[in-house]
Amino acid sequence: LISACEKSGQWEQALKLLSDMCSKGVKPDTITYNALISACEKGGQWKRALEVFAEMCSEGVKPNTVTYSALISACEKGGQW
């Protein structure tokens, strides 16, 4: 579902889905966080993408090349790169 939100530019809904997952005891993985970071990137939310990345790391979820690519794209889109 988060990936569907990412593809349709609904970054706020993607964040809500992550919150709902966590409240129900579902632990997000790298793929989940990558989709969320990409959703933030598509929505022009570079700061939120960095916050999601920080949360990902603090939860012990390991980033991969897709994660870093999405972060770079988010920062570039926000004029931060």
PDB file of N, CA and C in Angstrom:
ATOM      1  N   LEU A   1       0.807  -1.202   0.000  1.00  0.00           N
ATOM      2  CA  LEU A   1       0.000   0.000   0.000  1.00  0.00           C
ATOM      3  C   LEU A   1       0.852   1.269   0.000  1.00  0.00           C
ATOM      4  N   ILE A   2       1.961   1.245   0.766  1.00  0.00           N
ATOM      5  CA  ILE A   2       2.829   2.424   0.802  1.00  0.00           C
ATOM      6  C   ILE A   2       3.408   2.688  -0.579  1.00  0.00           C
ATOM      7  N   SER A   3       3.747   1.632  -1.278  1.00  0.00           N
ATOM      8  CA  SER A   3       4.268   1.787  -2.637  1.00  0.00           C
ATOM      9  C   SER A   3       3.208   2.389  -3.570  1.00  0.00           C
ATOM     10  N   ALA A   4       1.962   2.002  -3.395  1.00  0.00           N
ATOM     11  CA  ALA A   4       0.884   2.573  -4.201  1.00  0.00           C
ATOM     12  C   ALA A   4       0.737   4.063  -3.905  1.00  0.00           C
ATOM     13  N   CYS A   5       0.858   4.439  -2.638  1.00  0.00           N
ATOM     14  CA  CYS A   5       0.808   5.855  -2.266  1.00  0.00           C
ATOM     15  C   CYS A   5       1.967   6.615  -2.899  1.00  0.00           C
ATOM     16  N   GLU A   6       3.137   5.987  -2.888  1.00  0.00           N
ATOM     17  CA  GLU A   6       4.326   6.604  -3.485  1.00  0.00           C
ATOM     18  C   GLU A   6       4.097   6.867  -4.967  1.00  0.00           C
ATOM     19  N   LYS A   7       3.552   5.878  -5.657  1.00  0.00           N
ATOM     20  CA  LYS A   7       3.342   6.019  -7.099  1.00  0.00           C
ATOM     21  C   LYS A   7       2.283   7.071  -7.436  1.00  0.00           C
ATOM     22  N   SER A   8       1.348   7.298  -6.519  1.00  0.00           N
ATOM     23  CA  SER A   8       0.287   8.267  -6.796  1.00  0.00           C
ATOM     24  C   SER A   8       0.528   9.614  -6.110  1.00  0.00           C
ATOM     25  N   GLY A   9       1.707   9.782  -5.505  1.00  0.00           N
ATOM     26  CA  GLY A   9       2.072  11.061  -4.909  1.00  0.00           C
ATOM     27  C   GLY A   9       1.378  11.386  -3.606  1.00  0.00           C
ATOM     28  N   GLN A  10       0.870  10.387  -2.928  1.00  0.00           N
ATOM     29  CA  GLN A  10       0.152  10.597  -1.674  1.00  0.00           C
ATOM     30  C   GLN A  10       1.073  10.351  -0.476  1.00  0.00           C
ATOM     31  N   TRP A  11       2.049  11.229  -0.295  1.00  0.00           N
ATOM     32  CA  TRP A  11       3.053  11.021   0.748  1.00  0.00           C
ATOM     33  C   TRP A  11       2.456  11.077   2.154  1.00  0.00           C
ATOM     34  N   GLU A  12       1.453  11.918   2.369  1.00  0.00           N
ATOM     35  CA  GLU A  12       0.845  11.996   3.700  1.00  0.00           C
ATOM     36  C   GLU A  12       0.133  10.694   4.058  1.00  0.00           C
ATOM     37  N   GLN A  13      -0.541  10.098   3.095  1.00  0.00           N
ATOM     38  CA  GLN A  13      -1.199   8.813   3.323  1.00  0.00           C
ATOM     39  C   GLN A  13      -0.156   7.724   3.583  1.00  0.00           C
ATOM     40  N   ALA A  14       0.961   7.787   2.889  1.00  0.00           N
ATOM     41  CA  ALA A  14       2.032   6.816   3.108  1.00  0.00           C
ATOM     42  C   ALA A  14       2.558   6.900   4.546  1.00  0.00           C
ATOM     43  N   LEU A  15       2.726   8.122   5.051  1.00  0.00           N
ATOM     44  CA  LEU A  15       3.172   8.294   6.436  1.00  0.00           C
ATOM     45  C   LEU A  15       2.147   7.740   7.416  1.00  0.00           C
ATOM     46  N   LYS A  16       0.874   7.947   7.123  1.00  0.00           N
ATOM     47  CA  LYS A  16      -0.185   7.431   7.990  1.00  0.00           C
ATOM     48  C   LYS A  16      -0.168   5.905   7.995  1.00  0.00           C
ATOM     49  N   LEU A  17       0.031   5.307   6.835  1.00  0.00           N
ATOM     50  CA  LEU A  17       0.086   3.846   6.762  1.00  0.00           C
ATOM     51  C   LEU A  17       1.245   3.290   7.590  1.00  0.00           C
ATOM     52  N   LEU A  18       2.385   3.972   7.552  1.00  0.00           N
ATOM     53  CA  LEU A  18       3.517   3.530   8.365  1.00  0.00           C
ATOM     54  C   LEU A  18       3.147   3.586   9.844  1.00  0.00           C
ATOM     55  N   SER A  19       2.528   4.661  10.247  1.00  0.00           N
ATOM     56  CA  SER A  19       2.107   4.812  11.631  1.00  0.00           C
ATOM     57  C   SER A  19       1.115   3.709  12.020  1.00  0.00           C
ATOM     58  N   ASP A  20       0.165   3.432  11.144  1.00  0.00           N
ATOM     59  CA  ASP A  20      -0.810   2.371  11.400  1.00  0.00           C
ATOM     60  C   ASP A  20      -0.130   1.009  11.526  1.00  0.00           C
ATOM     61  N   MET A  21       0.832   0.745  10.644  1.00  0.00           N
ATOM     62  CA  MET A  21       1.575  -0.518  10.700  1.00  0.00           C
ATOM     63  C   MET A  21       2.243  -0.689  12.060  1.00  0.00           C
ATOM     64  N   CYS A  22       2.960   0.355  12.468  1.00  0.00           N
ATOM     65  CA  CYS A  22       3.710   0.284  13.717  1.00  0.00           C
ATOM     66  C   CYS A  22       2.783   0.127  14.916  1.00  0.00           C
ATOM     67  N   SER A  23       1.646   0.803  14.895  1.00  0.00           N
ATOM     68  CA  SER A  23       0.708   0.713  16.020  1.00  0.00           C
ATOM     69  C   SER A  23       0.093  -0.679  16.124  1.00  0.00           C
ATOM     70  N   LYS A  24       0.105  -1.427  15.016  1.00  0.00           N
ATOM     71  CA  LYS A  24      -0.430  -2.787  15.019  1.00  0.00           C
ATOM     72  C   LYS A  24       0.665  -3.835  15.188  1.00  0.00           C
ATOM     73  N   GLY A  25       1.884  -3.379  15.479  1.00  0.00           N
ATOM     74  CA  GLY A  25       2.981  -4.304  15.739  1.00  0.00           C
ATOM     75  C   GLY A  25       3.684  -4.841  14.512  1.00  0.00           C
ATOM     76  N   VAL A  26       3.417  -4.260  13.344  1.00  0.00           N
ATOM     77  CA  VAL A  26       4.087  -4.687  12.112  1.00  0.00           C
ATOM     78  C   VAL A  26       5.352  -3.857  11.968  1.00  0.00           C
ATOM     79  N   LYS A  27       6.505  -4.538  11.928  1.00  0.00           N
ATOM     80  CA  LYS A  27       7.781  -3.841  11.838  1.00  0.00           C
ATOM     81  C   LYS A  27       8.131  -3.579  10.374  1.00  0.00           C
ATOM     82  N   PRO A  28       8.287  -2.307  10.007  1.00  0.00           N
ATOM     83  CA  PRO A  28       8.642  -1.998   8.617  1.00  0.00           C
ATOM     84  C   PRO A  28      10.058  -2.463   8.282  1.00  0.00           C
ATOM     85  N   ASP A  29      10.255  -2.865   7.031  1.00  0.00           N
ATOM     86  CA  ASP A  29      11.578  -3.296   6.577  1.00  0.00           C
ATOM     87  C   ASP A  29      12.167  -2.253   5.631  1.00  0.00           C
ATOM     88  N   THR A  30      13.303  -2.572   5.059  1.00  0.00           N
ATOM     89  CA  THR A  30      13.992  -1.648   4.160  1.00  0.00           C
ATOM     90  C   THR A  30      13.102  -1.246   2.978  1.00  0.00           C
ATOM     91  N   ILE A  31      12.403  -2.208   2.416  1.00  0.00           N
ATOM     92  CA  ILE A  31      11.547  -1.922   1.260  1.00  0.00           C
ATOM     93  C   ILE A  31      10.439  -0.943   1.641  1.00  0.00           C
ATOM     94  N   THR A  32       9.871  -1.123   2.816  1.00  0.00           N
ATOM     95  CA  THR A  32       8.818  -0.221   3.290  1.00  0.00           C
ATOM     96  C   THR A  32       9.351   1.196   3.436  1.00  0.00           C
ATOM     97  N   TYR A  33      10.504   1.318   4.104  1.00  0.00           N
ATOM     98  CA  TYR A  33      11.092   2.645   4.290  1.00  0.00           C
ATOM     99  C   TYR A  33      11.490   3.269   2.959  1.00  0.00           C
ATOM    100  N   ASN A  34      12.008   2.471   2.034  1.00  0.00           N
ATOM    101  CA  ASN A  34      12.383   3.008   0.724  1.00  0.00           C
ATOM    102  C   ASN A  34      11.169   3.588   0.004  1.00  0.00           C
ATOM    103  N   ALA A  35      10.044   2.878   0.057  1.00  0.00           N
ATOM    104  CA  ALA A  35       8.821   3.373  -0.588  1.00  0.00           C
ATOM    105  C   ALA A  35       8.357   4.665   0.079  1.00  0.00           C
ATOM    106  N   LEU A  36       8.500   4.737   1.379  1.00  0.00           N
ATOM    107  CA  LEU A  36       8.087   5.937   2.098  1.00  0.00           C
ATOM    108  C   LEU A  36       8.992   7.126   1.773  1.00  0.00           C
ATOM    109  N   ILE A  37      10.287   6.883   1.723  1.00  0.00           N
ATOM    110  CA  ILE A  37      11.228   7.950   1.351  1.00  0.00           C
ATOM    111  C   ILE A  37      10.941   8.420  -0.078  1.00  0.00           C
ATOM    112  N   SER A  38      10.663   7.489  -0.969  1.00  0.00           N
ATOM    113  CA  SER A  38      10.329   7.856  -2.352  1.00  0.00           C
ATOM    114  C   SER A  38       9.029   8.640  -2.424  1.00  0.00           C
ATOM    115  N   ALA A  39       8.059   8.279  -1.597  1.00  0.00           N
ATOM    116  CA  ALA A  39       6.795   9.022  -1.563  1.00  0.00           C
ATOM    117  C   ALA A  39       7.044  10.459  -1.118  1.00  0.00           C
ATOM    118  N   CYS A  40       7.892  10.631  -0.114  1.00  0.00           N
ATOM    119  CA  CYS A  40       8.235  11.979   0.339  1.00  0.00           C
ATOM    120  C   CYS A  40       8.963  12.748  -0.763  1.00  0.00           C
ATOM    121  N   GLU A  41       9.846  12.066  -1.457  1.00  0.00           N
ATOM    122  CA  GLU A  41      10.583  12.702  -2.566  1.00  0.00           C
ATOM    123  C   GLU A  41       9.622  13.186  -3.638  1.00  0.00           C
ATOM    124  N   LYS A  42       8.680  12.349  -4.035  1.00  0.00           N
ATOM    125  CA  LYS A  42       7.723  12.725  -5.075  1.00  0.00           C
ATOM    126  C   LYS A  42       6.819  13.863  -4.631  1.00  0.00           C
ATOM    127  N   GLY A  43       6.605  13.967  -3.325  1.00  0.00           N
ATOM    128  CA  GLY A  43       5.786  15.047  -2.794  1.00  0.00           C
ATOM    129  C   GLY A  43       6.566  16.302  -2.474  1.00  0.00           C
ATOM    130  N   GLY A  44       7.869  16.308  -2.804  1.00  0.00           N
ATOM    131  CA  GLY A  44       8.708  17.480  -2.542  1.00  0.00           C
ATOM    132  C   GLY A  44       9.025  17.678  -1.066  1.00  0.00           C
ATOM    133  N   GLN A  45       8.949  16.617  -0.298  1.00  0.00           N
ATOM    134  CA  GLN A  45       9.148  16.684   1.148  1.00  0.00           C
ATOM    135  C   GLN A  45      10.542  16.163   1.531  1.00  0.00           C
ATOM    136  N   TRP A  46      11.580  16.882   1.128  1.00  0.00           N
ATOM    137  CA  TRP A  46      12.945  16.404   1.359  1.00  0.00           C
ATOM    138  C   TRP A  46      13.281  16.328   2.842  1.00  0.00           C
ATOM    139  N   LYS A  47      12.800  17.279   3.639  1.00  0.00           N
ATOM    140  CA  LYS A  47      13.086  17.226   5.081  1.00  0.00           C
ATOM    141  C   LYS A  47      12.432  16.002   5.709  1.00  0.00           C
ATOM    142  N   ARG A  48      11.218  15.728   5.301  1.00  0.00           N
ATOM    143  CA  ARG A  48      10.517  14.556   5.850  1.00  0.00           C
ATOM    144  C   ARG A  48      11.210  13.280   5.405  1.00  0.00           C
ATOM    145  N   ALA A  49      11.730  13.243   4.188  1.00  0.00           N
ATOM    146  CA  ALA A  49      12.474  12.070   3.715  1.00  0.00           C
ATOM    147  C   ALA A  49      13.689  11.819   4.605  1.00  0.00           C
ATOM    148  N   LEU A  50      14.384  12.889   4.982  1.00  0.00           N
ATOM    149  CA  LEU A  50      15.542  12.738   5.874  1.00  0.00           C
ATOM    150  C   LEU A  50      15.112  12.281   7.266  1.00  0.00           C
ATOM    151  N   GLU A  51      13.956  12.753   7.723  1.00  0.00           N
ATOM    152  CA  GLU A  51      13.438  12.317   9.020  1.00  0.00           C
ATOM    153  C   GLU A  51      13.086  10.831   8.993  1.00  0.00           C
ATOM    154  N   VAL A  52      12.486  10.389   7.907  1.00  0.00           N
ATOM    155  CA  VAL A  52      12.152   8.969   7.757  1.00  0.00           C
ATOM    156  C   VAL A  52      13.437   8.135   7.746  1.00  0.00           C
ATOM    157  N   PHE A  53      14.460   8.625   7.059  1.00  0.00           N
ATOM    158  CA  PHE A  53      15.739   7.921   7.032  1.00  0.00           C
ATOM    159  C   PHE A  53      16.324   7.810   8.444  1.00  0.00           C
ATOM    160  N   ALA A  54      16.271   8.892   9.203  1.00  0.00           N
ATOM    161  CA  ALA A  54      16.786   8.868  10.573  1.00  0.00           C
ATOM    162  C   ALA A  54      16.011   7.863  11.424  1.00  0.00           C
ATOM    163  N   GLU A  55      14.700   7.830  11.250  1.00  0.00           N
ATOM    164  CA  GLU A  55      13.872   6.863  11.975  1.00  0.00           C
ATOM    165  C   GLU A  55      14.241   5.436  11.580  1.00  0.00           C
ATOM    166  N   MET A  56      14.441   5.235  10.290  1.00  0.00           N
ATOM    167  CA  MET A  56      14.832   3.928   9.777  1.00  0.00           C
ATOM    168  C   MET A  56      16.102   3.443  10.464  1.00  0.00           C
ATOM    169  N   CYS A  57      17.087   4.314  10.519  1.00  0.00           N
ATOM    170  CA  CYS A  57      18.364   3.951  11.139  1.00  0.00           C
ATOM    171  C   CYS A  57      18.207   3.717  12.638  1.00  0.00           C
ATOM    172  N   SER A  58      17.424   4.541  13.311  1.00  0.00           N
ATOM    173  CA  SER A  58      17.244   4.384  14.755  1.00  0.00           C
ATOM    174  C   SER A  58      16.482   3.102  15.094  1.00  0.00           C
ATOM    175  N   GLU A  59      15.672   2.624  14.151  1.00  0.00           N
ATOM    176  CA  GLU A  59      14.946   1.361  14.349  1.00  0.00           C
ATOM    177  C   GLU A  59      15.802   0.144  13.991  1.00  0.00           C
ATOM    178  N   GLY A  60      17.024   0.394  13.531  1.00  0.00           N
ATOM    179  CA  GLY A  60      17.928  -0.708  13.206  1.00  0.00           C
ATOM    180  C   GLY A  60      17.687  -1.337  11.843  1.00  0.00           C
ATOM    181  N   VAL A  61      16.946  -0.641  10.985  1.00  0.00           N
ATOM    182  CA  VAL A  61      16.697  -1.141   9.631  1.00  0.00           C
ATOM    183  C   VAL A  61      17.823  -0.639   8.741  1.00  0.00           C
ATOM    184  N   LYS A  62      18.483  -1.567   8.062  1.00  0.00           N
ATOM    185  CA  LYS A  62      19.650  -1.212   7.264  1.00  0.00           C
ATOM    186  C   LYS A  62      19.259  -0.610   5.917  1.00  0.00           C
ATOM    187  N   PRO A  63      19.787   0.576   5.608  1.00  0.00           N
ATOM    188  CA  PRO A  63      19.548   1.172   4.292  1.00  0.00           C
ATOM    189  C   PRO A  63      20.332   0.435   3.213  1.00  0.00           C
ATOM    190  N   ASN A  64      19.886   0.569   1.977  1.00  0.00           N
ATOM    191  CA  ASN A  64      20.611  -0.016   0.846  1.00  0.00           C
ATOM    192  C   ASN A  64      20.796   1.054  -0.232  1.00  0.00           C
ATOM    193  N   THR A  65      21.256   0.658  -1.391  1.00  0.00           N
ATOM    194  CA  THR A  65      21.517   1.640  -2.451  1.00  0.00           C
ATOM    195  C   THR A  65      20.236   2.345  -2.901  1.00  0.00           C
ATOM    196  N   VAL A  66      19.120   1.643  -2.864  1.00  0.00           N
ATOM    197  CA  VAL A  66      17.842   2.263  -3.232  1.00  0.00           C
ATOM    198  C   VAL A  66      17.508   3.376  -2.236  1.00  0.00           C
ATOM    199  N   THR A  67      17.782   3.130  -0.952  1.00  0.00           N
ATOM    200  CA  THR A  67      17.537   4.128   0.085  1.00  0.00           C
ATOM    201  C   THR A  67      18.316   5.400  -0.203  1.00  0.00           C
ATOM    202  N   TYR A  68      19.607   5.247  -0.442  1.00  0.00           N
ATOM    203  CA  TYR A  68      20.456   6.417  -0.677  1.00  0.00           C
ATOM    204  C   TYR A  68      20.092   7.132  -1.969  1.00  0.00           C
ATOM    205  N   SER A  69      19.724   6.373  -2.981  1.00  0.00           N
ATOM    206  CA  SER A  69      19.300   6.987  -4.240  1.00  0.00           C
ATOM    207  C   SER A  69      18.041   7.826  -4.038  1.00  0.00           C
ATOM    208  N   ALA A  70      17.081   7.297  -3.276  1.00  0.00           N
ATOM    209  CA  ALA A  70      15.845   8.037  -3.002  1.00  0.00           C
ATOM    210  C   ALA A  70      16.135   9.297  -2.190  1.00  0.00           C
ATOM    211  N   LEU A  71      17.049   9.200  -1.234  1.00  0.00           N
ATOM    212  CA  LEU A  71      17.417  10.373  -0.435  1.00  0.00           C
ATOM    213  C   LEU A  71      18.080  11.449  -1.286  1.00  0.00           C
ATOM    214  N   ILE A  72      18.985  11.030  -2.149  1.00  0.00           N
ATOM    215  CA  ILE A  72      19.653  11.983  -3.039  1.00  0.00           C
ATOM    216  C   ILE A  72      18.629  12.656  -3.945  1.00  0.00           C
ATOM    217  N   SER A  73      17.695  11.870  -4.480  1.00  0.00           N
ATOM    218  CA  SER A  73      16.652  12.445  -5.335  1.00  0.00           C
ATOM    219  C   SER A  73      15.788  13.437  -4.562  1.00  0.00           C
ATOM    220  N   ALA A  74      15.445  13.099  -3.324  1.00  0.00           N
ATOM    221  CA  ALA A  74      14.629  13.988  -2.502  1.00  0.00           C
ATOM    222  C   ALA A  74      15.350  15.309  -2.249  1.00  0.00           C
ATOM    223  N   CYS A  75      16.620  15.223  -1.916  1.00  0.00           N
ATOM    224  CA  CYS A  75      17.398  16.436  -1.661  1.00  0.00           C
ATOM    225  C   CYS A  75      17.587  17.268  -2.931  1.00  0.00           C
ATOM    226  N   GLU A  76      17.807  16.587  -4.037  1.00  0.00           N
ATOM    227  CA  GLU A  76      17.965  17.276  -5.322  1.00  0.00           C
ATOM    228  C   GLU A  76      16.669  17.996  -5.693  1.00  0.00           C
ATOM    229  N   LYS A  77      15.557  17.310  -5.527  1.00  0.00           N
ATOM    230  CA  LYS A  77      14.260  17.896  -5.874  1.00  0.00           C
ATOM    231  C   LYS A  77      13.947  19.102  -4.976  1.00  0.00           C
ATOM    232  N   GLY A  78      14.426  19.042  -3.752  1.00  0.00           N
ATOM    233  CA  GLY A  78      14.207  20.142  -2.824  1.00  0.00           C
ATOM    234  C   GLY A  78      15.247  21.245  -2.919  1.00  0.00           C
ATOM    235  N   GLY A  79      16.152  21.124  -3.902  1.00  0.00           N
ATOM    236  CA  GLY A  79      17.187  22.153  -4.083  1.00  0.00           C
ATOM    237  C   GLY A  79      18.266  22.103  -3.025  1.00  0.00           C
ATOM    238  N   GLN A  80      18.439  20.952  -2.399  1.00  0.00           N
ATOM    239  CA  GLN A  80      19.417  20.792  -1.341  1.00  0.00           C
ATOM    240  C   GLN A  80      20.664  20.040  -1.783  1.00  0.00           C
ATOM    241  N   TRP A  81      20.761  19.737  -3.047  1.00  0.00           N
ATOM    242  CA  TRP A  81      21.900  18.969  -3.542  1.00  0.00           C
ATOM    243  C   TRP A  81      22.645  19.766  -4.570  1.00  0.00           C
TER     244      TRP A  81
END
